[in-house]
N, C-alpha and C. Protein backbone atom coordinates (compact mmCIF):
# COMPACT_ATOMS: atom_id res chain seq x y z
N MET A 1 0.56 -1.42 -0.12
CA MET A 1 -0.03 0.26 -0.08
C MET A 1 0.79 1.21 0.26
N LYS A 2 1.94 1.14 1.10
CA LYS A 2 2.70 2.27 0.75
C LYS A 2 3.23 2.73 -0.53
N ARG A 3 3.73 1.29 -0.98
CA ARG A 3 4.12 1.87 -2.11
C ARG A 3 3.37 2.44 -3.09
N ILE A 4 2.53 1.65 -3.60
CA ILE A 4 1.49 2.35 -4.58
C ILE A 4 1.08 3.75 -4.29
N THR A 5 1.73 4.62 -2.87
CA THR A 5 1.35 5.90 -2.93
C THR A 5 2.66 6.24 -3.01
N ILE A 6 3.36 5.81 -2.88
CA ILE A 6 4.87 6.38 -3.49
C ILE A 6 4.50 6.67 -4.74
N LEU A 7 4.85 5.82 -5.42
CA LEU A 7 4.19 5.57 -6.79
C LEU A 7 3.29 6.71 -7.48
N THR A 8 2.06 6.88 -6.60
CA THR A 8 1.10 7.82 -7.06
C THR A 8 1.60 9.12 -7.16
N ALA A 9 2.30 9.86 -5.68
CA ALA A 9 2.72 10.68 -5.46
C ALA A 9 3.75 10.88 -6.53
N ALA A 10 4.91 10.13 -7.19
CA ALA A 10 6.04 10.51 -7.63
C ALA A 10 5.29 10.63 -9.18
N ALA A 11 4.21 9.91 -9.82
CA ALA A 11 3.90 10.17 -10.98
C ALA A 11 3.49 11.38 -10.98
N ALA A 12 2.57 11.79 -10.32
CA ALA A 12 1.89 13.37 -9.71
C ALA A 12 2.94 14.28 -10.23
N LEU A 13 3.87 14.17 -9.51
CA LEU A 13 4.80 15.11 -9.84
C LEU A 13 5.47 15.07 -10.89
N ILE A 14 5.95 14.12 -11.38
CA ILE A 14 5.85 14.05 -13.01
C ILE A 14 5.45 14.65 -14.00
N MET A 15 4.19 14.33 -14.05
CA MET A 15 2.92 14.47 -14.46
C MET A 15 3.43 16.15 -14.47
N GLY A 16 2.90 16.84 -13.03
CA GLY A 16 2.85 18.02 -13.16
C GLY A 16 3.88 19.12 -13.60
N THR A 17 5.46 18.42 -13.14
CA THR A 17 6.49 19.12 -13.93
C THR A 17 6.69 18.90 -15.14
N ALA A 18 6.20 18.35 -15.75
CA ALA A 18 6.01 18.38 -17.21
C ALA A 18 4.84 18.85 -17.79
N SER A 19 3.75 18.96 -17.17
CA SER A 19 3.50 20.02 -17.73
C SER A 19 3.09 21.86 -17.39
N ALA A 20 3.51 22.22 -16.37
CA ALA A 20 4.52 22.87 -15.64
C ALA A 20 5.39 23.40 -16.92
N GLN A 21 6.33 22.08 -17.38
CA GLN A 21 7.73 22.69 -18.17
C GLN A 21 7.08 22.33 -19.66
N ASP A 22 6.15 22.80 -20.24
CA ASP A 22 6.27 22.05 -21.70
C ASP A 22 7.12 22.85 -22.79
N PHE A 23 8.10 22.48 -22.57
CA PHE A 23 9.09 23.31 -23.66
C PHE A 23 9.31 23.06 -24.97
N GLY A 24 8.31 21.99 -25.61
CA GLY A 24 7.84 21.99 -26.97
C GLY A 24 6.78 22.67 -27.33
N SER A 25 6.03 23.20 -26.93
CA SER A 25 4.90 24.38 -26.93
C SER A 25 5.67 25.72 -27.35
N GLN A 26 4.85 25.94 -28.05
CA GLN A 26 5.44 27.78 -28.64
C GLN A 26 4.16 28.50 -28.23
N GLN A 27 3.42 28.14 -26.97
CA GLN A 27 1.77 28.54 -27.25
C GLN A 27 2.30 29.41 -25.67
N GLN A 28 2.22 30.40 -26.15
CA GLN A 28 2.37 31.48 -24.83
C GLN A 28 1.23 31.53 -24.00
N ARG A 29 1.64 31.54 -22.35
CA ARG A 29 0.53 32.24 -21.44
C ARG A 29 -0.21 33.10 -21.85
N PRO A 30 -1.37 33.49 -21.40
CA PRO A 30 -2.56 34.71 -21.65
C PRO A 30 -1.43 35.63 -20.22
N GLN A 31 -1.48 36.80 -21.18
CA GLN A 31 -1.01 38.25 -20.57
C GLN A 31 -1.28 37.91 -19.30
N ARG A 32 -1.03 38.13 -18.04
CA ARG A 32 -1.87 39.47 -17.30
C ARG A 32 -1.26 40.56 -17.63
N GLN A 33 -2.75 41.12 -16.55
CA GLN A 33 -2.86 42.80 -16.84
C GLN A 33 -1.90 43.64 -16.18
N GLN A 34 -0.94 44.31 -17.32
CA GLN A 34 0.05 45.13 -16.49
C GLN A 34 -0.54 46.12 -15.88
N PHE A 35 0.18 46.34 -14.71
CA PHE A 35 0.21 47.43 -13.96
C PHE A 35 1.13 48.52 -14.05
N THR A 36 0.38 49.86 -14.24
CA THR A 36 1.90 51.28 -13.90
C THR A 36 2.39 51.01 -12.89
N PRO A 37 3.47 51.32 -12.37
CA PRO A 37 4.43 51.46 -11.27
C PRO A 37 3.06 52.62 -10.35
N GLU A 38 2.78 53.49 -10.84
CA GLU A 38 1.78 54.35 -10.52
C GLU A 38 0.37 53.64 -9.76
N GLN A 39 -0.19 52.43 -10.58
CA GLN A 39 -1.53 51.68 -10.08
C GLN A 39 -0.92 50.80 -8.96
N ILE A 40 0.29 50.30 -9.15
CA ILE A 40 0.85 49.50 -8.03
C ILE A 40 0.74 49.97 -6.73
N ALA A 41 1.35 51.30 -6.94
CA ALA A 41 1.83 51.99 -5.80
C ALA A 41 0.56 52.68 -4.86
N GLU A 42 -0.53 52.35 -5.69
CA GLU A 42 -1.88 53.07 -5.04
C GLU A 42 -2.65 51.89 -4.66
N ARG A 43 -2.33 50.69 -5.03
CA ARG A 43 -2.74 49.56 -4.68
C ARG A 43 -1.96 49.65 -3.20
N ARG A 44 -1.17 49.17 -3.59
CA ARG A 44 -0.42 49.04 -1.76
C ARG A 44 -0.32 50.02 -1.05
N VAL A 45 -0.86 51.19 -1.42
CA VAL A 45 -0.94 51.78 -0.03
C VAL A 45 -2.32 52.11 0.49
N GLU A 46 -3.33 52.00 -0.41
CA GLU A 46 -4.48 51.37 -0.39
C GLU A 46 -4.29 50.24 0.78
N ASN A 47 -4.08 49.07 0.43
CA ASN A 47 -4.40 48.04 1.51
C ASN A 47 -3.82 48.21 2.55
N LEU A 48 -2.19 48.96 2.79
CA LEU A 48 -2.04 49.59 4.19
C LEU A 48 -2.70 50.49 4.85
N GLY A 49 -3.02 51.70 3.78
CA GLY A 49 -3.92 52.39 4.49
C GLY A 49 -5.28 51.88 5.32
N LYS A 50 -5.78 50.53 5.16
CA LYS A 50 -6.25 49.76 5.37
C LYS A 50 -6.53 49.11 7.05
N THR A 51 -5.37 49.01 6.64
CA THR A 51 -4.84 47.49 7.70
C THR A 51 -4.07 48.20 9.27
N LEU A 52 -3.66 49.40 8.31
CA LEU A 52 -2.72 50.10 9.22
C LEU A 52 -3.13 51.55 10.07
N GLU A 53 -4.27 51.43 9.52
CA GLU A 53 -4.71 53.22 9.52
C GLU A 53 -3.92 54.26 9.34
N LEU A 54 -3.04 54.43 8.61
CA LEU A 54 -2.38 55.81 7.89
C LEU A 54 -2.55 57.01 8.28
N THR A 55 -2.05 57.80 8.37
CA THR A 55 -2.53 59.28 8.11
C THR A 55 -2.10 59.60 6.51
N ALA A 56 -2.61 60.87 6.13
CA ALA A 56 -2.32 61.09 4.92
C ALA A 56 -0.74 61.46 4.45
N GLU A 57 -0.17 61.92 5.78
CA GLU A 57 1.55 62.10 5.56
C GLU A 57 1.90 61.02 5.22
N GLN A 58 1.56 59.59 5.98
CA GLN A 58 2.42 58.80 5.73
C GLN A 58 1.94 58.03 4.66
N LYS A 59 0.71 57.64 3.92
CA LYS A 59 0.22 57.49 2.74
C LYS A 59 1.44 57.97 1.86
N GLU A 60 1.43 59.31 1.86
CA GLU A 60 1.99 60.20 0.85
C GLU A 60 3.40 59.60 1.00
N ALA A 61 4.05 59.79 1.75
CA ALA A 61 5.38 59.30 2.07
C ALA A 61 5.96 57.41 1.19
N ILE A 62 4.64 56.54 1.64
CA ILE A 62 4.70 55.35 1.42
C ILE A 62 4.68 55.33 0.11
N TYR A 63 3.23 55.87 -0.37
CA TYR A 63 3.28 56.22 -2.13
C TYR A 63 4.31 56.24 -2.86
N LYS A 64 5.43 57.37 -2.53
CA LYS A 64 6.60 57.32 -2.81
C LYS A 64 7.53 56.64 -3.31
N ILE A 65 7.97 55.93 -1.73
CA ILE A 65 8.50 54.77 -1.88
C ILE A 65 8.06 53.48 -2.95
N TYR A 66 6.98 53.14 -3.03
CA TYR A 66 6.38 51.85 -3.29
C TYR A 66 6.06 52.55 -4.91
N LEU A 67 6.51 53.72 -5.05
CA LEU A 67 6.33 54.19 -6.97
C LEU A 67 7.63 54.02 -7.35
N ASP A 68 8.77 54.11 -6.47
CA ASP A 68 9.70 54.10 -6.78
C ASP A 68 10.45 52.52 -6.82
N ASN A 69 9.88 52.12 -5.96
CA ASN A 69 10.32 50.51 -6.29
C ASN A 69 9.40 49.92 -7.40
N ALA A 70 8.38 50.07 -7.55
CA ALA A 70 7.80 49.58 -8.70
C ALA A 70 8.49 49.91 -10.23
N ALA A 71 8.75 51.36 -10.53
CA ALA A 71 9.73 52.12 -11.32
C ALA A 71 10.94 51.16 -11.63
N GLU A 72 11.19 50.70 -10.77
CA GLU A 72 12.58 50.42 -10.85
C GLU A 72 12.18 48.44 -11.14
N GLN A 73 11.50 48.00 -10.51
CA GLN A 73 11.03 46.70 -10.92
C GLN A 73 10.60 46.38 -11.76
N GLN A 74 9.83 47.48 -12.66
CA GLN A 74 9.63 47.72 -14.18
C GLN A 74 10.59 47.16 -15.17
N LYS A 75 11.93 48.29 -14.55
CA LYS A 75 12.51 48.83 -15.68
C LYS A 75 13.45 46.97 -15.31
N GLU A 76 13.77 46.70 -14.65
CA GLU A 76 14.83 45.50 -14.48
C GLU A 76 13.49 44.33 -15.37
N MET A 77 12.52 44.13 -14.70
CA MET A 77 11.81 43.08 -15.90
C MET A 77 12.19 43.10 -17.52
N GLU A 78 11.83 44.74 -17.73
CA GLU A 78 12.09 44.71 -19.05
C GLU A 78 13.28 44.46 -19.72
N ALA A 79 14.28 44.94 -18.65
CA ALA A 79 15.87 44.53 -19.22
C ALA A 79 15.56 42.64 -19.00
N MET A 80 15.24 42.31 -18.33
CA MET A 80 15.42 40.89 -17.96
C MET A 80 14.43 40.28 -19.73
N ARG A 81 13.38 40.26 -19.80
CA ARG A 81 12.65 39.92 -20.82
C ARG A 81 13.39 40.26 -22.05
N LYS A 82 14.35 41.45 -22.21
CA LYS A 82 15.01 41.34 -23.90
C LYS A 82 16.23 40.46 -23.72
N ALA A 83 16.87 40.51 -22.50
CA ALA A 83 17.83 39.89 -22.49
C ALA A 83 17.42 37.94 -22.82
N MET A 84 16.26 37.25 -22.24
CA MET A 84 15.60 36.17 -22.67
C MET A 84 15.48 35.76 -24.28
N GLN A 85 14.46 36.96 -24.52
CA GLN A 85 14.53 37.42 -25.96
C GLN A 85 15.48 37.11 -27.15
N GLU A 86 16.59 38.24 -26.74
CA GLU A 86 17.56 38.11 -27.58
C GLU A 86 18.64 36.20 -26.97
N GLN A 87 18.86 35.78 -25.78
CA GLN A 87 18.82 34.57 -25.84
C GLN A 87 18.12 33.69 -26.88
N ARG A 88 17.19 33.54 -26.93
CA ARG A 88 16.18 32.54 -27.41
C ARG A 88 16.74 32.43 -28.72
N GLU A 89 16.43 34.07 -29.27
CA GLU A 89 17.11 34.10 -30.67
C GLU A 89 18.34 33.88 -30.91
N LYS A 90 19.33 33.46 -30.11
CA LYS A 90 20.50 32.91 -30.65
C LYS A 90 20.77 31.66 -30.48
N GLN A 91 20.03 30.87 -29.73
CA GLN A 91 19.78 29.11 -29.41
C GLN A 91 19.15 29.24 -31.11
N GLU A 92 18.13 29.93 -31.18
CA GLU A 92 17.23 29.72 -32.78
C GLU A 92 17.98 29.55 -33.71
N ALA A 93 19.63 30.78 -33.91
CA ALA A 93 20.08 31.26 -35.00
C ALA A 93 21.15 29.77 -34.73
N ARG A 94 21.81 29.11 -33.50
CA ARG A 94 22.69 28.37 -33.11
C ARG A 94 22.16 26.86 -33.82
N GLN A 95 20.78 26.94 -33.50
CA GLN A 95 20.14 26.04 -33.96
C GLN A 95 20.00 25.33 -35.51
N LYS A 96 19.62 26.79 -36.31
CA LYS A 96 19.78 26.48 -37.66
C LYS A 96 20.85 26.22 -38.25
N ALA A 97 21.86 26.82 -38.01
CA ALA A 97 23.16 26.65 -38.14
C ALA A 97 23.53 25.45 -38.38
N LEU A 98 23.16 25.08 -36.97
CA LEU A 98 23.69 22.97 -36.94
C LEU A 98 22.84 22.36 -38.13
N ASP A 99 21.76 22.93 -37.75
CA ASP A 99 20.74 21.73 -38.78
C ASP A 99 21.30 21.95 -40.57
N GLU A 100 21.22 23.13 -40.75
CA GLU A 100 21.81 23.33 -41.87
C GLU A 100 23.33 22.30 -42.35
N GLN A 101 24.31 22.63 -41.55
CA GLN A 101 25.65 22.17 -41.64
C GLN A 101 25.10 20.29 -41.64
N MET A 102 24.54 20.22 -40.44
CA MET A 102 23.81 18.62 -40.58
C MET A 102 23.20 18.34 -42.11
N GLN A 103 22.81 19.19 -42.58
CA GLN A 103 21.80 18.61 -44.10
C GLN A 103 22.65 18.15 -45.28
N LYS A 104 24.04 19.09 -44.81
CA LYS A 104 25.44 19.44 -45.47
C LYS A 104 25.84 18.29 -45.56
N ILE A 105 25.96 17.17 -44.85
CA ILE A 105 27.07 15.95 -44.26
C ILE A 105 26.22 14.74 -44.68
N LEU A 106 24.90 14.64 -43.85
CA LEU A 106 24.27 14.13 -44.18
C LEU A 106 23.37 13.39 -45.65
N ASP A 107 23.26 12.41 -46.04
CA ASP A 107 22.54 11.90 -47.02
C ASP A 107 20.91 12.02 -46.72
N ALA A 108 19.99 11.82 -47.91
CA ALA A 108 18.64 12.47 -47.26
C ALA A 108 18.11 11.64 -46.20
N SER A 109 18.18 10.31 -46.14
CA SER A 109 17.72 9.46 -45.25
C SER A 109 18.24 9.34 -43.94
N GLN A 110 19.96 9.97 -43.70
CA GLN A 110 20.19 10.40 -42.61
C GLN A 110 19.60 11.42 -41.84
N TYR A 111 19.39 12.56 -42.65
CA TYR A 111 19.34 13.56 -42.03
C TYR A 111 17.60 13.59 -41.60
N LYS A 112 16.99 12.70 -42.41
CA LYS A 112 15.39 12.57 -41.67
C LYS A 112 15.49 11.80 -41.03
N LYS A 113 15.96 10.83 -40.52
CA LYS A 113 16.54 9.75 -39.25
C LYS A 113 16.82 11.08 -37.81
N TRP A 114 17.65 11.63 -38.51
CA TRP A 114 18.30 12.96 -37.58
C TRP A 114 17.56 13.65 -36.41
N SER A 115 17.06 14.40 -37.63
CA SER A 115 16.02 15.67 -37.89
C SER A 115 15.12 14.89 -36.65
N LYS A 116 14.38 13.52 -36.64
CA LYS A 116 13.40 13.02 -36.22
C LYS A 116 13.96 12.77 -34.41
N GLN A 117 14.96 12.48 -34.69
CA GLN A 117 15.84 12.32 -33.07
C GLN A 117 15.77 13.31 -32.26
N GLN A 118 16.20 14.72 -33.23
CA GLN A 118 16.10 16.16 -32.77
C GLN A 118 14.98 16.16 -32.14
N GLN A 119 14.05 16.23 -33.00
CA GLN A 119 12.64 16.75 -32.43
C GLN A 119 12.14 15.76 -31.40
N ALA A 120 12.17 14.45 -31.35
CA ALA A 120 12.13 13.83 -30.55
C ALA A 120 12.94 13.82 -28.81
N GLN A 121 13.73 14.46 -29.06
CA GLN A 121 14.60 15.15 -28.00
C GLN A 121 13.84 16.22 -27.02
N GLN A 122 13.59 16.98 -28.39
CA GLN A 122 12.78 18.56 -27.91
C GLN A 122 11.82 17.98 -26.89
N ASN A 123 11.12 17.31 -27.69
CA ASN A 123 9.80 16.70 -27.09
C ASN A 123 9.73 16.28 -25.89
N ARG A 124 10.52 15.72 -25.20
CA ARG A 124 11.01 14.72 -23.89
C ARG A 124 10.70 16.05 -23.06
N GLY A 125 11.14 17.22 -23.50
CA GLY A 125 11.67 18.30 -22.36
C GLY A 125 12.73 18.42 -22.22
N ARG A 126 13.21 19.23 -20.47
CA ARG A 126 14.61 19.23 -20.02
C ARG A 126 14.99 17.60 -19.13
N PHE A 127 14.21 16.25 -19.78
CA PHE A 127 14.79 15.66 -18.74
C PHE A 127 15.94 14.78 -19.88
N PRO A 128 17.15 15.00 -19.41
CA PRO A 128 18.01 14.52 -20.42
C PRO A 128 18.34 12.78 -20.23
N MET A 129 17.72 12.25 -19.66
CA MET A 129 18.20 10.98 -19.07
C MET A 129 16.71 10.22 -18.95
N GLN A 130 16.97 8.82 -20.05
CA GLN A 130 15.41 7.95 -19.75
C GLN A 130 15.66 7.10 -18.72
N GLY A 131 14.50 6.38 -17.95
CA GLY A 131 15.02 5.80 -17.17
C GLY A 131 15.03 6.24 -15.62
N GLY A 132 14.36 7.22 -15.46
CA GLY A 132 14.25 7.90 -13.70
C GLY A 132 15.69 9.06 -13.81
N PHE A 133 15.84 8.81 -12.16
CA PHE A 133 17.20 9.39 -12.03
C PHE A 133 18.71 8.47 -12.25
N GLN A 134 19.53 8.90 -12.48
CA GLN A 134 20.73 8.43 -12.72
C GLN A 134 21.67 8.61 -11.37
N ARG A 135 22.59 8.52 -10.97
CA ARG A 135 23.79 8.44 -10.37
C ARG A 135 24.88 8.54 -11.76
N GLN A 136 25.98 9.47 -11.15
CA GLN A 136 27.16 9.54 -12.07
C GLN A 136 27.82 8.45 -12.50
N GLY A 137 28.14 8.15 -13.34
CA GLY A 137 28.94 6.92 -13.90
C GLY A 137 28.05 5.86 -14.48
N GLY A 138 26.61 6.39 -14.22
CA GLY A 138 25.54 5.05 -15.41
C GLY A 138 24.99 4.44 -14.52
N GLU A 139 25.17 4.02 -12.81
CA GLU A 139 24.73 3.05 -11.98
C GLU A 139 23.19 3.67 -11.94
N GLY A 140 22.32 2.83 -11.48
CA GLY A 140 20.79 2.83 -11.06
C GLY A 140 20.43 4.20 -10.12
N GLY A 141 19.56 4.47 -9.89
CA GLY A 141 19.58 5.59 -8.98
C GLY A 141 18.72 4.85 -7.77
N PHE A 142 17.49 5.16 -7.56
CA PHE A 142 16.85 4.66 -6.30
C PHE A 142 16.54 3.35 -6.19
N GLY A 143 16.64 2.57 -7.66
CA GLY A 143 16.95 1.31 -7.44
C GLY A 143 17.83 0.27 -7.48
N GLY A 144 18.83 1.13 -7.13
CA GLY A 144 20.29 0.65 -7.04
C GLY A 144 21.01 0.20 -8.18
N PRO A 145 21.70 -0.19 -8.21
CA PRO A 145 22.76 -0.58 -9.58
C PRO A 145 21.93 -1.30 -10.93
N GLY A 146 22.18 -1.06 -11.73
CA GLY A 146 21.78 -1.67 -12.89
C GLY A 146 20.23 -1.58 -12.63
N GLU A 147 19.36 -0.68 -12.43
CA GLU A 147 18.12 -0.84 -12.53
C GLU A 147 17.63 0.11 -12.77
N GLY A 148 18.39 1.53 -13.45
CA GLY A 148 17.63 2.52 -14.17
C GLY A 148 17.22 3.24 -13.11
N GLY A 149 17.35 3.39 -12.31
CA GLY A 149 16.84 4.06 -10.73
C GLY A 149 15.06 4.01 -10.82
N GLY A 150 14.88 4.61 -10.10
CA GLY A 150 13.38 4.29 -9.74
C GLY A 150 13.10 3.24 -8.48
N PHE A 151 12.10 2.31 -8.57
CA PHE A 151 11.47 1.57 -7.40
C PHE A 151 11.82 0.35 -7.92
N GLY A 152 12.13 -0.17 -8.86
CA GLY A 152 12.37 -1.29 -9.77
C GLY A 152 11.02 -1.74 -10.08
N ASN A 153 10.42 -1.10 -10.44
CA ASN A 153 8.88 -1.36 -10.93
C ASN A 153 8.84 -1.76 -12.74
N GLY A 154 9.92 -1.10 -12.75
CA GLY A 154 10.47 -1.72 -14.64
C GLY A 154 9.47 -0.34 -15.25
N MET A 155 9.00 0.57 -14.75
CA MET A 155 7.83 1.79 -15.27
C MET A 155 9.25 3.02 -15.54
N GLY A 156 10.52 2.58 -15.11
CA GLY A 156 11.45 3.96 -15.49
C GLY A 156 11.15 5.23 -14.21
N PHE A 157 10.46 4.71 -13.15
CA PHE A 157 10.78 5.74 -11.45
C PHE A 157 10.37 4.93 -10.63
């Protein structure tokens, strides 16, 4: 019974992680409403005003602090988004160059097989090892040496 509970928990964790990190899909999450720094500061001051019974002077001082903080945070987020986009573009260019090089070297059937392997690897997500968790040196993970990790149930985890 305990083993079934552990297996169920492990499967739920793996499935949840895989769905949360769906790297193969290029679908974007629906964008949340973007608030201006002024709106963020107003909402925070309003909430604090209710719970802390702030005076008008305190509200004004806190508003300025939150406004500066929200503006700085917004700048940092924009810089981070830009850096991530640049990194994504570099990776796509690198992948395209690799693809072109492989196409020149391989014949048509080899290239087709290689492309399928690449696609399968991308669809697998960010889990580089099949068969569960692995120790360095190729030894099995939780199941011990030679079992490929997991609980020794043949399911790979």
